[in-house]
PDB file of N, CA and C in Angstrom:
ATOM      1  N   UNK A   1      89.506 125.113  82.801  1.00  0.00           N
ATOM      2  CA  UNK A   1      89.934 124.289  83.923  1.00  0.00           C
ATOM      3  C   UNK A   1      88.709 123.893  84.751  1.00  0.00           C
ATOM      4  N   UNK A   2      88.727 122.670  85.276  1.00  0.00           N
ATOM      5  CA  UNK A   2      87.598 122.138  86.027  1.00  0.00           C
ATOM      6  C   UNK A   2      87.451 122.808  87.387  1.00  0.00           C
ATOM      7  N   UNK A   3      86.217 122.998  87.793  1.00  0.00           N
ATOM      8  CA  UNK A   3      85.935 123.498  89.139  1.00  0.00           C
ATOM      9  C   UNK A   3      86.420 122.472  90.150  1.00  0.00           C
ATOM     10  N   UNK A   4      86.690 122.929  91.349  1.00  0.00           N
ATOM     11  CA  UNK A   4      87.103 122.035  92.415  1.00  0.00           C
ATOM     12  C   UNK A   4      86.198 122.194  93.621  1.00  0.00           C
ATOM     13  N   UNK A   5      86.056 121.143  94.378  1.00  0.00           N
ATOM     14  CA  UNK A   5      85.240 121.152  95.588  1.00  0.00           C
ATOM     15  C   UNK A   5      86.078 120.659  96.760  1.00  0.00           C
ATOM     16  N   UNK A   6      85.907 121.300  97.890  1.00  0.00           N
ATOM     17  CA  UNK A   6      86.460 120.803  99.145  1.00  0.00           C
ATOM     18  C   UNK A   6      85.255 120.405  99.975  1.00  0.00           C
ATOM     19  N   UNK A   7      85.335 119.221 100.576  1.00  0.00           N
ATOM     20  CA  UNK A   7      84.197 118.730 101.349  1.00  0.00           C
ATOM     21  C   UNK A   7      84.667 118.181 102.690  1.00  0.00           C
ATOM     22  N   UNK A   8      83.756 118.208 103.636  1.00  0.00           N
ATOM     23  CA  UNK A   8      84.023 117.673 104.963  1.00  0.00           C
ATOM     24  C   UNK A   8      82.934 116.662 105.271  1.00  0.00           C
ATOM     25  N   UNK A   9      83.357 115.448 105.583  1.00  0.00           N
ATOM     26  CA  UNK A   9      82.451 114.385 105.993  1.00  0.00           C
ATOM     27  C   UNK A   9      82.613 114.153 107.483  1.00  0.00           C
ATOM     28  N   UNK A  10      81.536 113.692 108.111  1.00  0.00           N
ATOM     29  CA  UNK A  10      81.615 113.292 109.519  1.00  0.00           C
ATOM     30  C   UNK A  10      81.139 111.845 109.613  1.00  0.00           C
ATOM     31  N   UNK A  11      81.917 111.041 110.316  1.00  0.00           N
ATOM     32  CA  UNK A  11      81.522 109.661 110.548  1.00  0.00           C
ATOM     33  C   UNK A  11      80.382 109.630 111.566  1.00  0.00           C
ATOM     34  N   UNK A  12      79.306 108.945 111.210  1.00  0.00           N
ATOM     35  CA  UNK A  12      78.208 108.782 112.159  1.00  0.00           C
ATOM     36  C   UNK A  12      78.519 107.669 113.160  1.00  0.00           C
ATOM     37  N   UNK A  13      79.573 106.929 112.901  1.00  0.00           N
ATOM     38  CA  UNK A  13      80.006 105.846 113.779  1.00  0.00           C
ATOM     39  C   UNK A  13      80.799 106.373 114.970  1.00  0.00           C
ATOM     40  N   UNK A  14      81.728 107.328 114.711  1.00  0.00           N
ATOM     41  CA  UNK A  14      82.589 107.793 115.801  1.00  0.00           C
ATOM     42  C   UNK A  14      82.803 109.315 115.834  1.00  0.00           C
ATOM     43  N   UNK A  15      82.157 110.057 114.935  1.00  0.00           N
ATOM     44  CA  UNK A  15      82.249 111.512 114.955  1.00  0.00           C
ATOM     45  C   UNK A  15      83.487 112.107 114.311  1.00  0.00           C
ATOM     46  N   UNK A  16      84.383 111.270 113.791  1.00  0.00           N
ATOM     47  CA  UNK A  16      85.605 111.777 113.155  1.00  0.00           C
ATOM     48  C   UNK A  16      85.281 112.499 111.857  1.00  0.00           C
ATOM     49  N   UNK A  17      86.131 113.470 111.539  1.00  0.00           N
ATOM     50  CA  UNK A  17      85.977 114.219 110.294  1.00  0.00           C
ATOM     51  C   UNK A  17      86.906 113.663 109.225  1.00  0.00           C
ATOM     52  N   UNK A  18      86.481 113.776 107.983  1.00  0.00           N
ATOM     53  CA  UNK A  18      87.316 113.474 106.833  1.00  0.00           C
ATOM     54  C   UNK A  18      87.224 114.673 105.902  1.00  0.00           C
ATOM     55  N   UNK A  19      88.355 115.164 105.446  1.00  0.00           N
ATOM     56  CA  UNK A  19      88.409 116.310 104.538  1.00  0.00           C
ATOM     57  C   UNK A  19      88.955 115.824 103.204  1.00  0.00           C
ATOM     58  N   UNK A  20      88.293 116.215 102.123  1.00  0.00           N
ATOM     59  CA  UNK A  20      88.740 115.802 100.805  1.00  0.00           C
ATOM     60  C   UNK A  20      88.464 116.865  99.763  1.00  0.00           C
ATOM     61  N   UNK A  21      88.947 116.602  98.548  1.00  0.00           N
ATOM     62  CA  UNK A  21      88.680 117.488  97.428  1.00  0.00           C
ATOM     63  C   UNK A  21      88.421 116.641  96.187  1.00  0.00           C
ATOM     64  N   UNK A  22      87.697 117.223  95.238  1.00  0.00           N
ATOM     65  CA  UNK A  22      87.321 116.499  94.037  1.00  0.00           C
ATOM     66  C   UNK A  22      86.847 117.470  92.964  1.00  0.00           C
ATOM     67  N   UNK A  23      86.701 116.960  91.755  1.00  0.00           N
ATOM     68  CA  UNK A  23      86.097 117.751  90.690  1.00  0.00           C
ATOM     69  C   UNK A  23      84.643 117.346  90.471  1.00  0.00           C
ATOM     70  N   UNK A  24      84.237 116.200  91.020  1.00  0.00           N
ATOM     71  CA  UNK A  24      82.865 115.697  90.868  1.00  0.00           C
ATOM     72  C   UNK A  24      82.367 115.236  92.233  1.00  0.00           C
ATOM     73  N   UNK A  25      81.700 116.118  92.945  1.00  0.00           N
ATOM     74  CA  UNK A  25      81.299 115.839  94.324  1.00  0.00           C
ATOM     75  C   UNK A  25      80.313 114.674  94.425  1.00  0.00           C
ATOM     76  N   UNK A  26      79.373 114.585  93.501  1.00  0.00           N
ATOM     77  CA  UNK A  26      78.382 113.500  93.578  1.00  0.00           C
ATOM     78  C   UNK A  26      79.032 112.133  93.402  1.00  0.00           C
ATOM     79  N   UNK A  27      79.906 112.019  92.431  1.00  0.00           N
ATOM     80  CA  UNK A  27      80.607 110.756  92.195  1.00  0.00           C
ATOM     81  C   UNK A  27      81.491 110.390  93.391  1.00  0.00           C
ATOM     82  N   UNK A  28      82.162 111.380  93.946  1.00  0.00           N
ATOM     83  CA  UNK A  28      83.047 111.128  95.082  1.00  0.00           C
ATOM     84  C   UNK A  28      82.262 110.677  96.315  1.00  0.00           C
ATOM     85  N   UNK A  29      81.120 111.303  96.565  1.00  0.00           N
ATOM     86  CA  UNK A  29      80.297 110.899  97.708  1.00  0.00           C
ATOM     87  C   UNK A  29      79.794 109.469  97.550  1.00  0.00           C
ATOM     88  N   UNK A  30      79.419 109.101  96.345  1.00  0.00           N
ATOM     89  CA  UNK A  30      78.998 107.718  96.098  1.00  0.00           C
ATOM     90  C   UNK A  30      80.114 106.733  96.401  1.00  0.00           C
ATOM     91  N   UNK A  31      81.342 107.091  96.045  1.00  0.00           N
ATOM     92  CA  UNK A  31      82.483 106.225  96.353  1.00  0.00           C
ATOM     93  C   UNK A  31      82.675 106.079  97.861  1.00  0.00           C
ATOM     94  N   UNK A  32      82.538 107.185  98.595  1.00  0.00           N
ATOM     95  CA  UNK A  32      82.655 107.110 100.056  1.00  0.00           C
ATOM     96  C   UNK A  32      81.558 106.224 100.631  1.00  0.00           C
ATOM     97  N   UNK A  33      80.317 106.482 100.242  1.00  0.00           N
ATOM     98  CA  UNK A  33      79.167 105.773 100.812  1.00  0.00           C
ATOM     99  C   UNK A  33      79.169 104.279 100.492  1.00  0.00           C
ATOM    100  N   UNK A  34      79.784 103.906  99.371  1.00  0.00           N
ATOM    101  CA  UNK A  34      79.817 102.491  98.991  1.00  0.00           C
ATOM    102  C   UNK A  34      81.017 101.759  99.584  1.00  0.00           C
ATOM    103  N   UNK A  35      81.861 102.462 100.328  1.00  0.00           N
ATOM    104  CA  UNK A  35      83.010 101.832 100.967  1.00  0.00           C
ATOM    105  C   UNK A  35      84.219 101.698 100.058  1.00  0.00           C
ATOM    106  N   UNK A  36      84.240 102.421  98.944  1.00  0.00           N
ATOM    107  CA  UNK A  36      85.345 102.331  97.993  1.00  0.00           C
ATOM    108  C   UNK A  36      86.480 103.318  98.262  1.00  0.00           C
ATOM    109  N   UNK A  37      86.444 103.998  99.396  1.00  0.00           N
ATOM    110  CA  UNK A  37      87.530 104.903  99.780  1.00  0.00           C
ATOM    111  C   UNK A  37      88.139 104.352 101.063  1.00  0.00           C
ATOM    112  N   UNK A  38      89.387 103.934 100.964  1.00  0.00           N
ATOM    113  CA  UNK A  38      90.052 103.272 102.091  1.00  0.00           C
ATOM    114  C   UNK A  38      90.033 104.112 103.370  1.00  0.00           C
ATOM    115  N   UNK A  39      90.218 105.421 103.230  1.00  0.00           N
ATOM    116  CA  UNK A  39      90.314 106.298 104.401  1.00  0.00           C
ATOM    117  C   UNK A  39      89.023 106.364 105.212  1.00  0.00           C
ATOM    118  N   UNK A  40      87.882 106.146 104.587  1.00  0.00           N
ATOM    119  CA  UNK A  40      86.608 106.254 105.317  1.00  0.00           C
ATOM    120  C   UNK A  40      85.874 104.926 105.437  1.00  0.00           C
ATOM    121  N   UNK A  41      86.386 103.888 104.844  1.00  0.00           N
ATOM    122  CA  UNK A  41      85.709 102.584 104.811  1.00  0.00           C
ATOM    123  C   UNK A  41      85.318 102.089 106.199  1.00  0.00           C
ATOM    124  N   UNK A  42      86.185 102.244 107.175  1.00  0.00           N
ATOM    125  CA  UNK A  42      85.915 101.722 108.524  1.00  0.00           C
ATOM    126  C   UNK A  42      85.101 102.675 109.390  1.00  0.00           C
ATOM    127  N   UNK A  43      84.733 103.836 108.832  1.00  0.00           N
ATOM    128  CA  UNK A  43      84.008 104.844 109.607  1.00  0.00           C
ATOM    129  C   UNK A  43      82.601 105.084 109.072  1.00  0.00           C
ATOM    130  N   UNK A  44      82.118 104.183 108.227  1.00  0.00           N
ATOM    131  CA  UNK A  44      80.776 104.333 107.656  1.00  0.00           C
ATOM    132  C   UNK A  44      79.716 104.065 108.703  1.00  0.00           C
ATOM    133  N   UNK A  45      78.591 104.703 108.595  1.00  0.00           N
ATOM    134  CA  UNK A  45      78.187 105.650 107.555  1.00  0.00           C
ATOM    135  C   UNK A  45      78.769 107.043 107.813  1.00  0.00           C
ATOM    136  N   UNK A  46      78.834 107.827 106.739  1.00  0.00           N
ATOM    137  CA  UNK A  46      79.320 109.200 106.835  1.00  0.00           C
ATOM    138  C   UNK A  46      78.239 110.155 106.350  1.00  0.00           C
ATOM    139  N   UNK A  47      78.341 111.392 106.828  1.00  0.00           N
ATOM    140  CA  UNK A  47      77.394 112.443 106.425  1.00  0.00           C
ATOM    141  C   UNK A  47      78.184 113.632 105.897  1.00  0.00           C
ATOM    142  N   UNK A  48      77.719 114.191 104.793  1.00  0.00           N
ATOM    143  CA  UNK A  48      78.343 115.391 104.250  1.00  0.00           C
ATOM    144  C   UNK A  48      77.984 116.564 105.146  1.00  0.00           C
ATOM    145  N   UNK A  49      78.997 117.189 105.732  1.00  0.00           N
ATOM    146  CA  UNK A  49      78.792 118.317 106.629  1.00  0.00           C
ATOM    147  C   UNK A  49      78.940 119.652 105.904  1.00  0.00           C
ATOM    148  N   UNK A  50      79.844 119.690 104.915  1.00  0.00           N
ATOM    149  CA  UNK A  50      80.104 120.945 104.202  1.00  0.00           C
ATOM    150  C   UNK A  50      80.711 120.618 102.845  1.00  0.00           C
ATOM    151  N   UNK A  51      80.302 121.373 101.850  1.00  0.00           N
ATOM    152  CA  UNK A  51      80.896 121.277 100.521  1.00  0.00           C
ATOM    153  C   UNK A  51      80.989 122.687  99.982  1.00  0.00           C
ATOM    154  N   UNK A  52      82.178 123.055  99.528  1.00  0.00           N
ATOM    155  CA  UNK A  52      82.377 124.403  99.002  1.00  0.00           C
ATOM    156  C   UNK A  52      83.069 124.312  97.654  1.00  0.00           C
ATOM    157  N   UNK A  53      82.558 125.063  96.694  1.00  0.00           N
ATOM    158  CA  UNK A  53      83.112 125.079  95.342  1.00  0.00           C
ATOM    159  C   UNK A  53      84.177 126.157  95.203  1.00  0.00           C
ATOM    160  N   UNK A  54      85.230 125.823  94.448  1.00  0.00           N
ATOM    161  CA  UNK A  54      86.305 126.760  94.162  1.00  0.00           C
ATOM    162  C   UNK A  54      86.500 126.841  92.649  1.00  0.00           C
ATOM    163  N   UNK A  55      87.178 127.886  92.197  1.00  0.00           N
ATOM    164  CA  UNK A  55      87.335 128.139  90.765  1.00  0.00           C
ATOM    165  C   UNK A  55      88.064 127.027  90.021  1.00  0.00           C
ATOM    166  N   UNK A  56      89.008 126.372  90.700  1.00  0.00           N
ATOM    167  CA  UNK A  56      89.721 125.287  90.032  1.00  0.00           C
ATOM    168  C   UNK A  56      90.160 124.240  91.052  1.00  0.00           C
ATOM    169  N   UNK A  57      90.449 123.053  90.538  1.00  0.00           N
ATOM    170  CA  UNK A  57      90.796 121.925  91.384  1.00  0.00           C
ATOM    171  C   UNK A  57      92.133 122.133  92.099  1.00  0.00           C
ATOM    172  N   UNK A  58      93.085 122.763  91.445  1.00  0.00           N
ATOM    173  CA  UNK A  58      94.391 123.011  92.064  1.00  0.00           C
ATOM    174  C   UNK A  58      94.240 123.834  93.336  1.00  0.00           C
ATOM    175  N   UNK A  59      93.429 124.868  93.271  1.00  0.00           N
ATOM    176  CA  UNK A  59      93.198 125.709  94.446  1.00  0.00           C
ATOM    177  C   UNK A  59      92.447 124.924  95.527  1.00  0.00           C
ATOM    178  N   UNK A  60      91.480 124.114  95.117  1.00  0.00           N
ATOM    179  CA  UNK A  60      90.730 123.293  96.079  1.00  0.00           C
ATOM    180  C   UNK A  60      91.672 122.341  96.816  1.00  0.00           C
ATOM    181  N   UNK A  61      92.638 121.753  96.116  1.00  0.00           N
ATOM    182  CA  UNK A  61      93.606 120.856  96.758  1.00  0.00           C
ATOM    183  C   UNK A  61      94.451 121.599  97.785  1.00  0.00           C
ATOM    184  N   UNK A  62      94.826 122.828  97.480  1.00  0.00           N
ATOM    185  CA  UNK A  62      95.606 123.628  98.424  1.00  0.00           C
ATOM    186  C   UNK A  62      94.792 123.916  99.685  1.00  0.00           C
ATOM    187  N   UNK A  63      93.528 124.237  99.508  1.00  0.00           N
ATOM    188  CA  UNK A  63      92.646 124.482 100.659  1.00  0.00           C
ATOM    189  C   UNK A  63      92.487 123.203 101.476  1.00  0.00           C
ATOM    190  N   UNK A  64      92.290 122.078 100.802  1.00  0.00           N
ATOM    191  CA  UNK A  64      92.173 120.787 101.496  1.00  0.00           C
ATOM    192  C   UNK A  64      93.407 120.532 102.361  1.00  0.00           C
ATOM    193  N   UNK A  65      94.576 120.710 101.785  1.00  0.00           N
ATOM    194  CA  UNK A  65      95.809 120.446 102.529  1.00  0.00           C
ATOM    195  C   UNK A  65      95.960 121.394 103.715  1.00  0.00           C
ATOM    196  N   UNK A  66      95.589 122.633 103.527  1.00  0.00           N
ATOM    197  CA  UNK A  66      95.681 123.607 104.625  1.00  0.00           C
ATOM    198  C   UNK A  66      94.758 123.211 105.776  1.00  0.00           C
ATOM    199  N   UNK A  67      93.553 122.760 105.442  1.00  0.00           N
ATOM    200  CA  UNK A  67      92.626 122.306 106.480  1.00  0.00           C
ATOM    201  C   UNK A  67      93.181 121.086 107.211  1.00  0.00           C
ATOM    202  N   UNK A  68      93.744 120.160 106.469  1.00  0.00           N
ATOM    203  CA  UNK A  68      94.313 118.958 107.087  1.00  0.00           C
ATOM    204  C   UNK A  68      95.508 119.288 107.970  1.00  0.00           C
ATOM    205  N   UNK A  69      96.243 120.326 107.632  1.00  0.00           N
ATOM    206  CA  UNK A  69      97.399 120.723 108.437  1.00  0.00           C
ATOM    207  C   UNK A  69      97.009 121.214 109.831  1.00  0.00           C
ATOM    208  N   UNK A  70      95.794 121.724 109.979  1.00  0.00           N
ATOM    209  CA  UNK A  70      95.364 122.222 111.291  1.00  0.00           C
ATOM    210  C   UNK A  70      95.209 121.102 112.310  1.00  0.00           C
ATOM    211  N   UNK A  71      94.699 119.947 111.890  1.00  0.00           N
ATOM    212  CA  UNK A  71      94.576 118.763 112.754  1.00  0.00           C
ATOM    213  C   UNK A  71      93.862 119.054 114.072  1.00  0.00           C
ATOM    214  N   UNK A  72      92.925 119.976 114.043  1.00  0.00           N
ATOM    215  CA  UNK A  72      92.189 120.285 115.271  1.00  0.00           C
ATOM    216  C   UNK A  72      90.697 120.137 115.011  1.00  0.00           C
ATOM    217  N   UNK A  73      90.092 119.248 115.772  1.00  0.00           N
ATOM    218  CA  UNK A  73      88.665 118.976 115.594  1.00  0.00           C
ATOM    219  C   UNK A  73      87.827 120.218 115.869  1.00  0.00           C
ATOM    220  N   UNK A  74      88.206 121.015 116.868  1.00  0.00           N
ATOM    221  CA  UNK A  74      87.415 122.200 117.194  1.00  0.00           C
ATOM    222  C   UNK A  74      87.445 123.220 116.051  1.00  0.00           C
ATOM    223  N   UNK A  75      88.561 123.306 115.333  1.00  0.00           N
ATOM    224  CA  UNK A  75      88.668 124.221 114.197  1.00  0.00           C
ATOM    225  C   UNK A  75      87.749 123.770 113.065  1.00  0.00           C
ATOM    226  N   UNK A  76      87.737 122.470 112.789  1.00  0.00           N
ATOM    227  CA  UNK A  76      86.877 121.928 111.734  1.00  0.00           C
ATOM    228  C   UNK A  76      85.411 122.081 112.127  1.00  0.00           C
ATOM    229  N   UNK A  77      85.083 121.843 113.396  1.00  0.00           N
ATOM    230  CA  UNK A  77      83.701 122.020 113.853  1.00  0.00           C
ATOM    231  C   UNK A  77      83.237 123.468 113.675  1.00  0.00           C
ATOM    232  N   UNK A  78      84.127 124.428 113.900  1.00  0.00           N
ATOM    233  CA  UNK A  78      83.795 125.838 113.716  1.00  0.00           C
ATOM    234  C   UNK A  78      83.486 126.137 112.246  1.00  0.00           C
ATOM    235  N   UNK A  79      84.288 125.596 111.346  1.00  0.00           N
ATOM    236  CA  UNK A  79      84.052 125.780 109.913  1.00  0.00           C
ATOM    237  C   UNK A  79      82.704 125.189 109.519  1.00  0.00           C
ATOM    238  N   UNK A  80      82.413 123.999 110.012  1.00  0.00           N
ATOM    239  CA  UNK A  80      81.141 123.344 109.694  1.00  0.00           C
ATOM    240  C   UNK A  80      79.981 124.171 110.226  1.00  0.00           C
ATOM    241  N   UNK A  81      80.115 124.653 111.444  1.00  0.00           N
ATOM    242  CA  UNK A  81      79.044 125.466 112.047  1.00  0.00           C
ATOM    243  C   UNK A  81      78.801 126.759 111.248  1.00  0.00           C
ATOM    244  N   UNK A  82      79.880 127.404 110.806  1.00  0.00           N
ATOM    245  CA  UNK A  82      79.761 128.643 110.030  1.00  0.00           C
ATOM    246  C   UNK A  82      79.296 128.378 108.611  1.00  0.00           C
ATOM    247  N   UNK A  83      79.521 127.160 108.108  1.00  0.00           N
ATOM    248  CA  UNK A  83      79.065 126.791 106.775  1.00  0.00           C
ATOM    249  C   UNK A  83      79.908 127.331 105.638  1.00  0.00           C
ATOM    250  N   UNK A  84      81.134 127.765 105.957  1.00  0.00           N
ATOM    251  CA  UNK A  84      82.000 128.309 104.905  1.00  0.00           C
ATOM    252  C   UNK A  84      83.460 128.150 105.312  1.00  0.00           C
ATOM    253  N   UNK A  85      84.282 127.866 104.306  1.00  0.00           N
ATOM    254  CA  UNK A  85      85.726 127.790 104.521  1.00  0.00           C
ATOM    255  C   UNK A  85      86.290 129.165 104.184  1.00  0.00           C
ATOM    256  N   UNK A  86      86.894 129.803 105.169  1.00  0.00           N
ATOM    257  CA  UNK A  86      87.428 131.166 104.981  1.00  0.00           C
ATOM    258  C   UNK A  86      88.948 131.160 105.042  1.00  0.00           C
ATOM    259  N   UNK A  87      89.563 130.409 104.167  1.00  0.00           N
ATOM    260  CA  UNK A  87      91.026 130.372 104.115  1.00  0.00           C
ATOM    261  C   UNK A  87      91.469 131.028 102.824  1.00  0.00           C
ATOM    262  N   UNK A  88      92.301 132.005 102.923  1.00  0.00           N
ATOM    263  CA  UNK A  88      92.841 132.626 101.720  1.00  0.00           C
ATOM    264  C   UNK A  88      94.271 132.202 101.519  1.00  0.00           C
ATOM    265  N   UNK A  89      94.579 131.796 100.317  1.00  0.00           N
ATOM    266  CA  UNK A  89      95.959 131.405 100.015  1.00  0.00           C
ATOM    267  C   UNK A  89      96.539 132.359  99.005  1.00  0.00           C
TER     268      UNK A  89
END
């Protein structure tokens, strides 16, 4: 099974965070930076704040959804500052 990544981007335009998951982080970042992702297109440029690898993509998607459920900027900023996602499912 493919490894999974959860990543957090920050818009340099307005400071908003974007949380995503993928199996190929480099390819996904290129899509964001080129404006090919609708969710971040209007917030370019973006900077990768955190990327964490997980054993499989299914688990990475669960972590992504859990992070998105929090909907609190201060919580995401804390994760970025600590440099690690500490969510156990």
